[in-house]
PDB file of N, CA and C in Angstrom:
ATOM      1  N   MET A   1     132.032  68.981 111.150  1.00  0.00           N
ATOM      2  CA  MET A   1     131.442  68.326 109.996  1.00  0.00           C
ATOM      3  C   MET A   1     129.916  68.299 110.107  1.00  0.00           C
ATOM      4  N   LYS A   2     129.395  67.972 111.292  1.00  0.00           N
ATOM      5  CA  LYS A   2     127.946  67.945 111.488  1.00  0.00           C
ATOM      6  C   LYS A   2     127.350  69.336 111.270  1.00  0.00           C
ATOM      7  N   LEU A   3     128.043  70.347 111.756  1.00  0.00           N
ATOM      8  CA  LEU A   3     127.570  71.717 111.594  1.00  0.00           C
ATOM      9  C   LEU A   3     127.483  72.079 110.111  1.00  0.00           C
ATOM     10  N   LEU A   4     128.467  71.671 109.332  1.00  0.00           N
ATOM     11  CA  LEU A   4     128.465  71.938 107.906  1.00  0.00           C
ATOM     12  C   LEU A   4     127.281  71.242 107.227  1.00  0.00           C
ATOM     13  N   LEU A   5     127.014  70.018 107.616  1.00  0.00           N
ATOM     14  CA  LEU A   5     125.889  69.272 107.055  1.00  0.00           C
ATOM     15  C   LEU A   5     124.557  69.955 107.376  1.00  0.00           C
ATOM     16  N   VAL A   6     124.401  70.401 108.619  1.00  0.00           N
ATOM     17  CA  VAL A   6     123.179  71.113 109.018  1.00  0.00           C
ATOM     18  C   VAL A   6     123.044  72.402 108.208  1.00  0.00           C
ATOM     19  N   PHE A   7     124.131  73.139 108.050  1.00  0.00           N
ATOM     20  CA  PHE A   7     124.104  74.386 107.296  1.00  0.00           C
ATOM     21  C   PHE A   7     123.689  74.138 105.844  1.00  0.00           C
ATOM     22  N   VAL A   8     124.276  73.116 105.219  1.00  0.00           N
ATOM     23  CA  VAL A   8     123.941  72.791 103.831  1.00  0.00           C
ATOM     24  C   VAL A   8     122.460  72.419 103.712  1.00  0.00           C
ATOM     25  N   CYS A   9     121.956  71.662 104.667  1.00  0.00           N
ATOM     26  CA  CYS A   9     120.547  71.283 104.651  1.00  0.00           C
ATOM     27  C   CYS A   9     119.641  72.496 104.795  1.00  0.00           C
ATOM     28  N   LEU A  10     119.993  73.408 105.692  1.00  0.00           N
ATOM     29  CA  LEU A  10     119.174  74.612 105.890  1.00  0.00           C
ATOM     30  C   LEU A  10     119.186  75.504 104.661  1.00  0.00           C
ATOM     31  N   VAL A  11     120.348  75.654 104.046  1.00  0.00           N
ATOM     32  CA  VAL A  11     120.439  76.460 102.826  1.00  0.00           C
ATOM     33  C   VAL A  11     119.610  75.811 101.724  1.00  0.00           C
ATOM     34  N   GLY A  12     119.700  74.506 101.597  1.00  0.00           N
ATOM     35  CA  GLY A  12     118.908  73.796 100.587  1.00  0.00           C
ATOM     36  C   GLY A  12     117.418  73.973 100.822  1.00  0.00           C
ATOM     37  N   LEU A  13     117.012  73.939 102.084  1.00  0.00           N
ATOM     38  CA  LEU A  13     115.601  74.132 102.426  1.00  0.00           C
ATOM     39  C   LEU A  13     115.156  75.544 102.071  1.00  0.00           C
ATOM     40  N   ALA A  14     115.975  76.515 102.390  1.00  0.00           N
ATOM     41  CA  ALA A  14     115.621  77.914 102.103  1.00  0.00           C
ATOM     42  C   ALA A  14     115.528  78.152 100.602  1.00  0.00           C
ATOM     43  N   VAL A  15     116.442  77.583  99.834  1.00  0.00           N
ATOM     44  CA  VAL A  15     116.440  77.779  98.389  1.00  0.00           C
ATOM     45  C   VAL A  15     115.260  77.063  97.740  1.00  0.00           C
ATOM     46  N   SER A  16     114.911  75.891  98.257  1.00  0.00           N
ATOM     47  CA  SER A  16     113.851  75.118  97.628  1.00  0.00           C
ATOM     48  C   SER A  16     112.455  75.576  98.016  1.00  0.00           C
ATOM     49  N   GLN A  17     112.339  76.505  98.977  1.00  0.00           N
ATOM     50  CA  GLN A  17     111.026  76.970  99.381  1.00  0.00           C
ATOM     51  C   GLN A  17     110.356  77.663  98.202  1.00  0.00           C
ATOM     52  N   GLU A  18     109.222  77.174  97.828  1.00  0.00           N
ATOM     53  CA  GLU A  18     108.517  77.651  96.651  1.00  0.00           C
ATOM     54  C   GLU A  18     107.863  79.001  96.914  1.00  0.00           C
ATOM     55  N   THR A  19     107.976  79.891  95.930  1.00  0.00           N
ATOM     56  CA  THR A  19     107.251  81.161  95.973  1.00  0.00           C
ATOM     57  C   THR A  19     106.514  81.313  94.645  1.00  0.00           C
ATOM     58  N   TYR A  20     105.524  82.179  94.655  1.00  0.00           N
ATOM     59  CA  TYR A  20     104.824  82.483  93.415  1.00  0.00           C
ATOM     60  C   TYR A  20     105.774  83.225  92.484  1.00  0.00           C
ATOM     61  N   THR A  21     105.443  83.225  91.219  1.00  0.00           N
ATOM     62  CA  THR A  21     106.289  83.918  90.249  1.00  0.00           C
ATOM     63  C   THR A  21     106.439  85.390  90.622  1.00  0.00           C
ATOM     64  N   SER A  22     107.644  85.909  90.465  1.00  0.00           N
ATOM     65  CA  SER A  22     107.887  87.326  90.756  1.00  0.00           C
ATOM     66  C   SER A  22     107.828  88.154  89.473  1.00  0.00           C
ATOM     67  N   GLN A  23     107.353  87.547  88.408  1.00  0.00           N
ATOM     68  CA  GLN A  23     107.292  88.182  87.095  1.00  0.00           C
ATOM     69  C   GLN A  23     106.563  89.526  87.124  1.00  0.00           C
ATOM     70  N   TYR A  24     105.544  89.638  87.971  1.00  0.00           N
ATOM     71  CA  TYR A  24     104.732  90.859  87.995  1.00  0.00           C
ATOM     72  C   TYR A  24     104.994  91.726  89.226  1.00  0.00           C
ATOM     73  N   ASP A  25     106.071  91.475  89.933  1.00  0.00           N
ATOM     74  CA  ASP A  25     106.354  92.223  91.155  1.00  0.00           C
ATOM     75  C   ASP A  25     106.606  93.713  90.900  1.00  0.00           C
ATOM     76  N   ASN A  26     106.985  94.082  89.689  1.00  0.00           N
ATOM     77  CA  ASN A  26     107.285  95.492  89.393  1.00  0.00           C
ATOM     78  C   ASN A  26     106.091  96.275  88.878  1.00  0.00           C
ATOM     79  N   ILE A  27     104.927  95.670  88.880  1.00  0.00           N
ATOM     80  CA  ILE A  27     103.715  96.379  88.451  1.00  0.00           C
ATOM     81  C   ILE A  27     103.405  97.491  89.442  1.00  0.00           C
ATOM     82  N   ASN A  28     103.016  98.649  88.930  1.00  0.00           N
ATOM     83  CA  ASN A  28     102.683  99.778  89.778  1.00  0.00           C
ATOM     84  C   ASN A  28     101.225  99.635  90.249  1.00  0.00           C
ATOM     85  N   VAL A  29     101.061  99.027  91.407  1.00  0.00           N
ATOM     86  CA  VAL A  29      99.732  98.750  91.950  1.00  0.00           C
ATOM     87  C   VAL A  29      98.969 100.037  92.230  1.00  0.00           C
ATOM     88  N   ASP A  30      99.660 101.068  92.678  1.00  0.00           N
ATOM     89  CA  ASP A  30      98.991 102.339  92.980  1.00  0.00           C
ATOM     90  C   ASP A  30      98.320 102.933  91.742  1.00  0.00           C
ATOM     91  N   SER A  31      99.017 102.876  90.598  1.00  0.00           N
ATOM     92  CA  SER A  31      98.410 103.438  89.383  1.00  0.00           C
ATOM     93  C   SER A  31      97.240 102.580  88.910  1.00  0.00           C
ATOM     94  N   ILE A  32      97.313 101.276  89.115  1.00  0.00           N
ATOM     95  CA  ILE A  32      96.185 100.400  88.757  1.00  0.00           C
ATOM     96  C   ILE A  32      94.981 100.725  89.633  1.00  0.00           C
ATOM     97  N   LEU A  33      95.200 100.854  90.925  1.00  0.00           N
ATOM     98  CA  LEU A  33      94.095 101.133  91.844  1.00  0.00           C
ATOM     99  C   LEU A  33      93.474 102.508  91.603  1.00  0.00           C
ATOM    100  N   ALA A  34      94.243 103.411  91.026  1.00  0.00           N
ATOM    101  CA  ALA A  34      93.727 104.750  90.730  1.00  0.00           C
ATOM    102  C   ALA A  34      92.920 104.789  89.434  1.00  0.00           C
ATOM    103  N   ASN A  35      92.921 103.695  88.685  1.00  0.00           N
ATOM    104  CA  ASN A  35      92.242 103.642  87.397  1.00  0.00           C
ATOM    105  C   ASN A  35      90.992 102.761  87.506  1.00  0.00           C
ATOM    106  N   GLU A  36      89.859 103.392  87.555  1.00  0.00           N
ATOM    107  CA  GLU A  36      88.563 102.704  87.722  1.00  0.00           C
ATOM    108  C   GLU A  36      88.348 101.608  86.680  1.00  0.00           C
ATOM    109  N   ARG A  37      88.649 101.905  85.440  1.00  0.00           N
ATOM    110  CA  ARG A  37      88.426 100.955  84.353  1.00  0.00           C
ATOM    111  C   ARG A  37      89.279  99.688  84.531  1.00  0.00           C
ATOM    112  N   ILE A  38      90.533  99.858  84.894  1.00  0.00           N
ATOM    113  CA  ILE A  38      91.425  98.707  85.056  1.00  0.00           C
ATOM    114  C   ILE A  38      91.001  97.865  86.260  1.00  0.00           C
ATOM    115  N   VAL A  39      90.666  98.518  87.364  1.00  0.00           N
ATOM    116  CA  VAL A  39      90.219  97.777  88.546  1.00  0.00           C
ATOM    117  C   VAL A  39      88.966  96.977  88.208  1.00  0.00           C
ATOM    118  N   ARG A  40      88.042  97.610  87.517  1.00  0.00           N
ATOM    119  CA  ARG A  40      86.805  96.928  87.127  1.00  0.00           C
ATOM    120  C   ARG A  40      87.110  95.695  86.277  1.00  0.00           C
ATOM    121  N   GLN A  41      88.069  95.808  85.355  1.00  0.00           N
ATOM    122  CA  GLN A  41      88.448  94.673  84.502  1.00  0.00           C
ATOM    123  C   GLN A  41      89.025  93.521  85.328  1.00  0.00           C
ATOM    124  N   TYR A  42      89.881  93.842  86.290  1.00  0.00           N
ATOM    125  CA  TYR A  42      90.446  92.788  87.135  1.00  0.00           C
ATOM    126  C   TYR A  42      89.362  92.111  87.974  1.00  0.00           C
ATOM    127  N   VAL A  43      88.455  92.901  88.504  1.00  0.00           N
ATOM    128  CA  VAL A  43      87.369  92.323  89.310  1.00  0.00           C
ATOM    129  C   VAL A  43      86.516  91.416  88.438  1.00  0.00           C
ATOM    130  N   LYS A  44      86.167  91.880  87.253  1.00  0.00           N
ATOM    131  CA  LYS A  44      85.362  91.058  86.344  1.00  0.00           C
ATOM    132  C   LYS A  44      86.108  89.779  85.959  1.00  0.00           C
ATOM    133  N   CYS A  45      87.388  89.891  85.744  1.00  0.00           N
ATOM    134  CA  CYS A  45      88.217  88.717  85.433  1.00  0.00           C
ATOM    135  C   CYS A  45      88.127  87.710  86.576  1.00  0.00           C
ATOM    136  N   LEU A  46      88.346  88.175  87.789  1.00  0.00           N
ATOM    137  CA  LEU A  46      88.330  87.287  88.952  1.00  0.00           C
ATOM    138  C   LEU A  46      86.960  86.669  89.190  1.00  0.00           C
ATOM    139  N   LEU A  47      85.912  87.359  88.740  1.00  0.00           N
ATOM    140  CA  LEU A  47      84.546  86.856  88.913  1.00  0.00           C
ATOM    141  C   LEU A  47      84.052  86.073  87.691  1.00  0.00           C
ATOM    142  N   ASP A  48      84.946  85.797  86.754  1.00  0.00           N
ATOM    143  CA  ASP A  48      84.604  85.040  85.536  1.00  0.00           C
ATOM    144  C   ASP A  48      83.564  85.750  84.685  1.00  0.00           C
ATOM    145  N   GLN A  49      83.588  87.075  84.672  1.00  0.00           N
ATOM    146  CA  GLN A  49      82.633  87.839  83.886  1.00  0.00           C
ATOM    147  C   GLN A  49      83.233  88.390  82.595  1.00  0.00           C
ATOM    148  N   THR A  50      84.546  88.227  82.435  1.00  0.00           N
ATOM    149  CA  THR A  50      85.219  88.675  81.219  1.00  0.00           C
ATOM    150  C   THR A  50      86.522  87.907  81.089  1.00  0.00           C
ATOM    151  N   ARG A  51      87.140  88.018  79.930  1.00  0.00           N
ATOM    152  CA  ARG A  51      88.435  87.377  79.713  1.00  0.00           C
ATOM    153  C   ARG A  51      89.492  88.098  80.537  1.00  0.00           C
ATOM    154  N   CYS A  52      90.495  87.368  80.938  1.00  0.00           N
ATOM    155  CA  CYS A  52      91.577  87.917  81.752  1.00  0.00           C
ATOM    156  C   CYS A  52      92.824  88.164  80.912  1.00  0.00           C
ATOM    157  N   ASN A  53      93.557  89.241  81.241  1.00  0.00           N
ATOM    158  CA  ASN A  53      94.877  89.409  80.653  1.00  0.00           C
ATOM    159  C   ASN A  53      95.833  88.448  81.379  1.00  0.00           C
ATOM    160  N   ASN A  54      97.097  88.423  80.980  1.00  0.00           N
ATOM    161  CA  ASN A  54      98.043  87.473  81.581  1.00  0.00           C
ATOM    162  C   ASN A  54      98.193  87.667  83.086  1.00  0.00           C
ATOM    163  N   GLU A  55      98.245  88.911  83.527  1.00  0.00           N
ATOM    164  CA  GLU A  55      98.370  89.177  84.954  1.00  0.00           C
ATOM    165  C   GLU A  55      97.132  88.683  85.703  1.00  0.00           C
ATOM    166  N   GLY A  56      95.969  88.924  85.115  1.00  0.00           N
ATOM    167  CA  GLY A  56      94.721  88.465  85.725  1.00  0.00           C
ATOM    168  C   GLY A  56      94.649  86.954  85.805  1.00  0.00           C
ATOM    169  N   LYS A  57      95.098  86.270  84.751  1.00  0.00           N
ATOM    170  CA  LYS A  57      95.116  84.806  84.762  1.00  0.00           C
ATOM    171  C   LYS A  57      96.007  84.284  85.884  1.00  0.00           C
ATOM    172  N   THR A  58      97.168  84.903  86.037  1.00  0.00           N
ATOM    173  CA  THR A  58      98.089  84.475  87.092  1.00  0.00           C
ATOM    174  C   THR A  58      97.479  84.730  88.460  1.00  0.00           C
ATOM    175  N   LEU A  59      96.916  85.908  88.643  1.00  0.00           N
ATOM    176  CA  LEU A  59      96.286  86.246  89.920  1.00  0.00           C
ATOM    177  C   LEU A  59      95.155  85.274  90.240  1.00  0.00           C
ATOM    178  N   LYS A  60      94.340  85.000  89.258  1.00  0.00           N
ATOM    179  CA  LYS A  60      93.201  84.106  89.435  1.00  0.00           C
ATOM    180  C   LYS A  60      93.664  82.699  89.818  1.00  0.00           C
ATOM    181  N   LYS A  61      94.791  82.296  89.261  1.00  0.00           N
ATOM    182  CA  LYS A  61      95.330  80.971  89.537  1.00  0.00           C
ATOM    183  C   LYS A  61      95.875  80.847  90.967  1.00  0.00           C
ATOM    184  N   ILE A  62      96.563  81.898  91.449  1.00  0.00           N
ATOM    185  CA  ILE A  62      97.207  81.788  92.761  1.00  0.00           C
ATOM    186  C   ILE A  62      96.338  82.279  93.919  1.00  0.00           C
ATOM    187  N   LEU A  63      95.294  83.044  93.615  1.00  0.00           N
ATOM    188  CA  LEU A  63      94.482  83.655  94.669  1.00  0.00           C
ATOM    189  C   LEU A  63      93.935  82.650  95.689  1.00  0.00           C
ATOM    190  N   PRO A  64      93.329  81.547  95.274  1.00  0.00           N
ATOM    191  CA  PRO A  64      92.794  80.617  96.280  1.00  0.00           C
ATOM    192  C   PRO A  64      93.867  80.091  97.240  1.00  0.00           C
ATOM    193  N   ASP A  65      95.032  79.747  96.704  1.00  0.00           N
ATOM    194  CA  ASP A  65      96.116  79.245  97.554  1.00  0.00           C
ATOM    195  C   ASP A  65      96.651  80.343  98.464  1.00  0.00           C
ATOM    196  N   ALA A  66      96.789  81.549  97.927  1.00  0.00           N
ATOM    197  CA  ALA A  66      97.296  82.667  98.740  1.00  0.00           C
ATOM    198  C   ALA A  66      96.351  82.974  99.897  1.00  0.00           C
ATOM    199  N   LEU A  67      95.058  82.935  99.641  1.00  0.00           N
ATOM    200  CA  LEU A  67      94.079  83.160 100.710  1.00  0.00           C
ATOM    201  C   LEU A  67      94.160  82.068 101.763  1.00  0.00           C
ATOM    202  N   ARG A  68      94.229  80.840 101.295  1.00  0.00           N
ATOM    203  CA  ARG A  68      94.228  79.683 102.195  1.00  0.00           C
ATOM    204  C   ARG A  68      95.475  79.644 103.085  1.00  0.00           C
ATOM    205  N   THR A  69      96.622  80.061 102.525  1.00  0.00           N
ATOM    206  CA  THR A  69      97.888  79.942 103.263  1.00  0.00           C
ATOM    207  C   THR A  69      98.346  81.249 103.898  1.00  0.00           C
ATOM    208  N   GLY A  70      97.550  82.298 103.788  1.00  0.00           N
ATOM    209  CA  GLY A  70      97.987  83.589 104.320  1.00  0.00           C
ATOM    210  C   GLY A  70      99.150  84.168 103.539  1.00  0.00           C
ATOM    211  N   CYS A  71      99.173  83.902 102.247  1.00  0.00           N
ATOM    212  CA  CYS A  71     100.192  84.430 101.325  1.00  0.00           C
ATOM    213  C   CYS A  71     101.582  83.877 101.664  1.00  0.00           C
ATOM    214  N   LYS A  72     101.629  82.658 102.113  1.00  0.00           N
ATOM    215  CA  LYS A  72     102.887  82.037 102.531  1.00  0.00           C
ATOM    216  C   LYS A  72     103.915  81.970 101.404  1.00  0.00           C
ATOM    217  N   LYS A  73     103.455  81.778 100.181  1.00  0.00           N
ATOM    218  CA  LYS A  73     104.365  81.674  99.039  1.00  0.00           C
ATOM    219  C   LYS A  73     104.607  83.014  98.352  1.00  0.00           C
ATOM    220  N   CYS A  74     104.052  84.086  98.892  1.00  0.00           N
ATOM    221  CA  CYS A  74     104.224  85.410  98.302  1.00  0.00           C
ATOM    222  C   CYS A  74     105.628  85.934  98.569  1.00  0.00           C
ATOM    223  N   THR A  75     106.160  86.681  97.615  1.00  0.00           N
ATOM    224  CA  THR A  75     107.397  87.406  97.851  1.00  0.00           C
ATOM    225  C   THR A  75     107.066  88.583  98.765  1.00  0.00           C
ATOM    226  N   SER A  76     108.071  89.223  99.305  1.00  0.00           N
ATOM    227  CA  SER A  76     107.808  90.370 100.183  1.00  0.00           C
ATOM    228  C   SER A  76     107.098  91.486  99.419  1.00  0.00           C
ATOM    229  N   THR A  77     107.456  91.678  98.169  1.00  0.00           N
ATOM    230  CA  THR A  77     106.793  92.685  97.337  1.00  0.00           C
ATOM    231  C   THR A  77     105.322  92.333  97.145  1.00  0.00           C
ATOM    232  N   GLN A  78     105.033  91.072  96.889  1.00  0.00           N
ATOM    233  CA  GLN A  78     103.655  90.646  96.689  1.00  0.00           C
ATOM    234  C   GLN A  78     102.817  90.836  97.941  1.00  0.00           C
ATOM    235  N   LYS A  79     103.413  90.638  99.095  1.00  0.00           N
ATOM    236  CA  LYS A  79     102.677  90.843 100.347  1.00  0.00           C
ATOM    237  C   LYS A  79     102.281  92.309 100.508  1.00  0.00           C
ATOM    238  N   VAL A  80     103.203  93.211 100.187  1.00  0.00           N
ATOM    239  CA  VAL A  80     102.910  94.643 100.270  1.00  0.00           C
ATOM    240  C   VAL A  80     101.824  95.010  99.261  1.00  0.00           C
ATOM    241  N   GLN A  81     101.959  94.511  98.040  1.00  0.00           N
ATOM    242  CA  GLN A  81     100.973  94.804  97.003  1.00  0.00           C
ATOM    243  C   GLN A  81      99.598  94.238  97.368  1.00  0.00           C
ATOM    244  N   ALA A  82      99.579  93.027  97.875  1.00  0.00           N
ATOM    245  CA  ALA A  82      98.310  92.393  98.249  1.00  0.00           C
ATOM    246  C   ALA A  82      97.608  93.193  99.330  1.00  0.00           C
ATOM    247  N   GLU A  83      98.366  93.669 100.302  1.00  0.00           N
ATOM    248  CA  GLU A  83      97.764  94.462 101.374  1.00  0.00           C
ATOM    249  C   GLU A  83      97.150  95.746 100.829  1.00  0.00           C
ATOM    250  N   LYS A  84      97.841  96.403  99.893  1.00  0.00           N
ATOM    251  CA  LYS A  84      97.299  97.625  99.273  1.00  0.00           C
ATOM    252  C   LYS A  84      95.992  97.337  98.558  1.00  0.00           C
ATOM    253  N   VAL A  85      95.983  96.256  97.792  1.00  0.00           N
ATOM    254  CA  VAL A  85      94.794  95.909  97.012  1.00  0.00           C
ATOM    255  C   VAL A  85      93.636  95.557  97.944  1.00  0.00           C
ATOM    256  N   LEU A  86      93.911  94.723  98.930  1.00  0.00           N
ATOM    257  CA  LEU A  86      92.855  94.337  99.872  1.00  0.00           C
ATOM    258  C   LEU A  86      92.299  95.544 100.606  1.00  0.00           C
ATOM    259  N   ARG A  87      93.179  96.421 101.068  1.00  0.00           N
ATOM    260  CA  ARG A  87      92.737  97.621 101.783  1.00  0.00           C
ATOM    261  C   ARG A  87      91.881  98.506 100.873  1.00  0.00           C
ATOM    262  N   HIS A  88      92.315  98.658  99.626  1.00  0.00           N
ATOM    263  CA  HIS A  88      91.565  99.475  98.668  1.00  0.00           C
ATOM    264  C   HIS A  88      90.172  98.885  98.416  1.00  0.00           C
ATOM    265  N   LEU A  89      90.132  97.589  98.153  1.00  0.00           N
ATOM    266  CA  LEU A  89      88.834  96.953  97.896  1.00  0.00           C
ATOM    267  C   LEU A  89      87.923  97.050  99.118  1.00  0.00           C
ATOM    268  N   TYR A  90      88.482  96.813 100.273  1.00  0.00           N
ATOM    269  CA  TYR A  90      87.687  96.817 101.502  1.00  0.00           C
ATOM    270  C   TYR A  90      87.161  98.213 101.837  1.00  0.00           C
ATOM    271  N   ARG A  91      87.997  99.229 101.649  1.00  0.00           N
ATOM    272  CA  ARG A  91      87.609 100.593 102.031  1.00  0.00           C
ATOM    273  C   ARG A  91      86.909 101.379 100.926  1.00  0.00           C
ATOM    274  N   GLN A  92      87.324 101.148  99.677  1.00  0.00           N
ATOM    275  CA  GLN A  92      86.835 101.982  98.583  1.00  0.00           C
ATOM    276  C   GLN A  92      85.833 101.287  97.653  1.00  0.00           C
ATOM    277  N   ARG A  93      85.861  99.975  97.622  1.00  0.00           N
ATOM    278  CA  ARG A  93      85.030  99.230  96.667  1.00  0.00           C
ATOM    279  C   ARG A  93      84.369  98.060  97.389  1.00  0.00           C
ATOM    280  N   ARG A  94      83.606  98.391  98.408  1.00  0.00           N
ATOM    281  CA  ARG A  94      83.023  97.360  99.280  1.00  0.00           C
ATOM    282  C   ARG A  94      82.136  96.383  98.511  1.00  0.00           C
ATOM    283  N   ASN A  95      81.424  96.854  97.504  1.00  0.00           N
ATOM    284  CA  ASN A  95      80.583  95.954  96.714  1.00  0.00           C
ATOM    285  C   ASN A  95      81.440  94.898  96.008  1.00  0.00           C
ATOM    286  N   ASP A  96      82.540  95.322  95.398  1.00  0.00           N
ATOM    287  CA  ASP A  96      83.452  94.376  94.754  1.00  0.00           C
ATOM    288  C   ASP A  96      84.061  93.428  95.788  1.00  0.00           C
ATOM    289  N   TRP A  97      84.446  93.971  96.938  1.00  0.00           N
ATOM    290  CA  TRP A  97      84.988  93.161  98.030  1.00  0.00           C
ATOM    291  C   TRP A  97      84.005  92.039  98.381  1.00  0.00           C
ATOM    292  N   ASN A  98      82.743  92.406  98.538  1.00  0.00           N
ATOM    293  CA  ASN A  98      81.732  91.416  98.914  1.00  0.00           C
ATOM    294  C   ASN A  98      81.503  90.375  97.811  1.00  0.00           C
ATOM    295  N   ARG A  99      81.526  90.812  96.571  1.00  0.00           N
ATOM    296  CA  ARG A  99      81.356  89.859  95.460  1.00  0.00           C
ATOM    297  C   ARG A  99      82.538  88.910  95.370  1.00  0.00           C
ATOM    298  N   LEU A 100      83.750  89.416  95.558  1.00  0.00           N
ATOM    299  CA  LEU A 100      84.932  88.555  95.531  1.00  0.00           C
ATOM    300  C   LEU A 100      84.941  87.599  96.721  1.00  0.00           C
ATOM    301  N   LYS A 101      84.509  88.100  97.879  1.00  0.00           N
ATOM    302  CA  LYS A 101      84.390  87.234  99.059  1.00  0.00           C
ATOM    303  C   LYS A 101      83.413  86.101  98.796  1.00  0.00           C
ATOM    304  N   ALA A 102      82.284  86.413  98.185  1.00  0.00           N
ATOM    305  CA  ALA A 102      81.270  85.390  97.909  1.00  0.00           C
ATOM    306  C   ALA A 102      81.834  84.285  97.018  1.00  0.00           C
ATOM    307  N   LYS A 103      82.699  84.645  96.103  1.00  0.00           N
ATOM    308  CA  LYS A 103      83.276  83.641  95.205  1.00  0.00           C
ATOM    309  C   LYS A 103      84.440  82.893  95.838  1.00  0.00           C
ATOM    310  N   TYR A 104      85.379  83.612  96.440  1.00  0.00           N
ATOM    311  CA  TYR A 104      86.620  82.998  96.897  1.00  0.00           C
ATOM    312  C   TYR A 104      86.632  82.614  98.373  1.00  0.00           C
ATOM    313  N   ASP A 105      85.652  83.102  99.121  1.00  0.00           N
ATOM    314  CA  ASP A 105      85.603  82.797 100.553  1.00  0.00           C
ATOM    315  C   ASP A 105      84.159  82.817 101.049  1.00  0.00           C
ATOM    316  N   PRO A 106      83.323  81.949 100.500  1.00  0.00           N
ATOM    317  CA  PRO A 106      81.897  81.986 100.854  1.00  0.00           C
ATOM    318  C   PRO A 106      81.624  81.743 102.335  1.00  0.00           C
ATOM    319  N   SER A 107      82.487  81.019 103.015  1.00  0.00           N
ATOM    320  CA  SER A 107      82.268  80.754 104.440  1.00  0.00           C
ATOM    321  C   SER A 107      82.784  81.898 105.317  1.00  0.00           C
ATOM    322  N   GLY A 108      83.566  82.807 104.743  1.00  0.00           N
ATOM    323  CA  GLY A 108      84.126  83.914 105.514  1.00  0.00           C
ATOM    324  C   GLY A 108      85.336  83.521 106.340  1.00  0.00           C
ATOM    325  N   GLN A 109      85.810  82.322 106.147  1.00  0.00           N
ATOM    326  CA  GLN A 109      86.928  81.790 106.919  1.00  0.00           C
ATOM    327  C   GLN A 109      88.192  82.648 106.801  1.00  0.00           C
ATOM    328  N   TYR A 110      88.538  83.070 105.594  1.00  0.00           N
ATOM    329  CA  TYR A 110      89.766  83.830 105.379  1.00  0.00           C
ATOM    330  C   TYR A 110      89.538  85.325 105.517  1.00  0.00           C
ATOM    331  N   SER A 111      88.394  85.797 105.059  1.00  0.00           N
ATOM    332  CA  SER A 111      88.154  87.243 105.069  1.00  0.00           C
ATOM    333  C   SER A 111      88.096  87.810 106.480  1.00  0.00           C
ATOM    334  N   ARG A 112      87.638  87.041 107.434  1.00  0.00           N
ATOM    335  CA  ARG A 112      87.625  87.536 108.826  1.00  0.00           C
ATOM    336  C   ARG A 112      89.026  87.891 109.276  1.00  0.00           C
ATOM    337  N   PHE A 113      89.989  87.053 108.913  1.00  0.00           N
ATOM    338  CA  PHE A 113      91.384  87.313 109.272  1.00  0.00           C
ATOM    339  C   PHE A 113      91.884  88.578 108.590  1.00  0.00           C
ATOM    340  N   TYR A 114      91.658  88.690 107.282  1.00  0.00           N
ATOM    341  CA  TYR A 114      92.155  89.840 106.534  1.00  0.00           C
ATOM    342  C   TYR A 114      91.443  91.125 106.936  1.00  0.00           C
ATOM    343  N   GLU A 115      90.146  91.060 107.159  1.00  0.00           N
ATOM    344  CA  GLU A 115      89.406  92.260 107.540  1.00  0.00           C
ATOM    345  C   GLU A 115      89.874  92.805 108.883  1.00  0.00           C
ATOM    346  N   SER A 116      90.324  91.943 109.768  1.00  0.00           N
ATOM    347  CA  SER A 116      90.816  92.409 111.072  1.00  0.00           C
ATOM    348  C   SER A 116      92.090  93.236 110.923  1.00  0.00           C
ATOM    349  N   MET A 117      92.810  93.062 109.823  1.00  0.00           N
ATOM    350  CA  MET A 117      94.042  93.817 109.591  1.00  0.00           C
ATOM    351  C   MET A 117      93.805  95.081 108.782  1.00  0.00           C
ATOM    352  N   LEU A 118      92.645  95.191 108.160  1.00  0.00           N
ATOM    353  CA  LEU A 118      92.392  96.329 107.271  1.00  0.00           C
ATOM    354  C   LEU A 118      91.747  97.459 108.036  1.00  0.00           C
TER     355      LEU A 118
END
């Protein structure tokens, strides 16, 4: 009986663990990163330089928490996508990387961790 109670509690804990919305998990990140205009729009959105589409609004909303927690609430797909985006920005668009860092991580607290993996 005790074992059953522990199992039910663990299942309840696993189910109740909050994750970010998976609504955009099927977006083709590779095709977005290959399109200069779209990447520029997302960067401008994140930097408050232009209006954001729905995906940009969602990203902008969750980005600070994802950085702070190491993407703890990310789905496995989101973790893979985030790594692709971070690697692309860091290697191919260093100016944008630095501008986003200045806004979302001015102390460099989180970027040091991510840069060590890129």
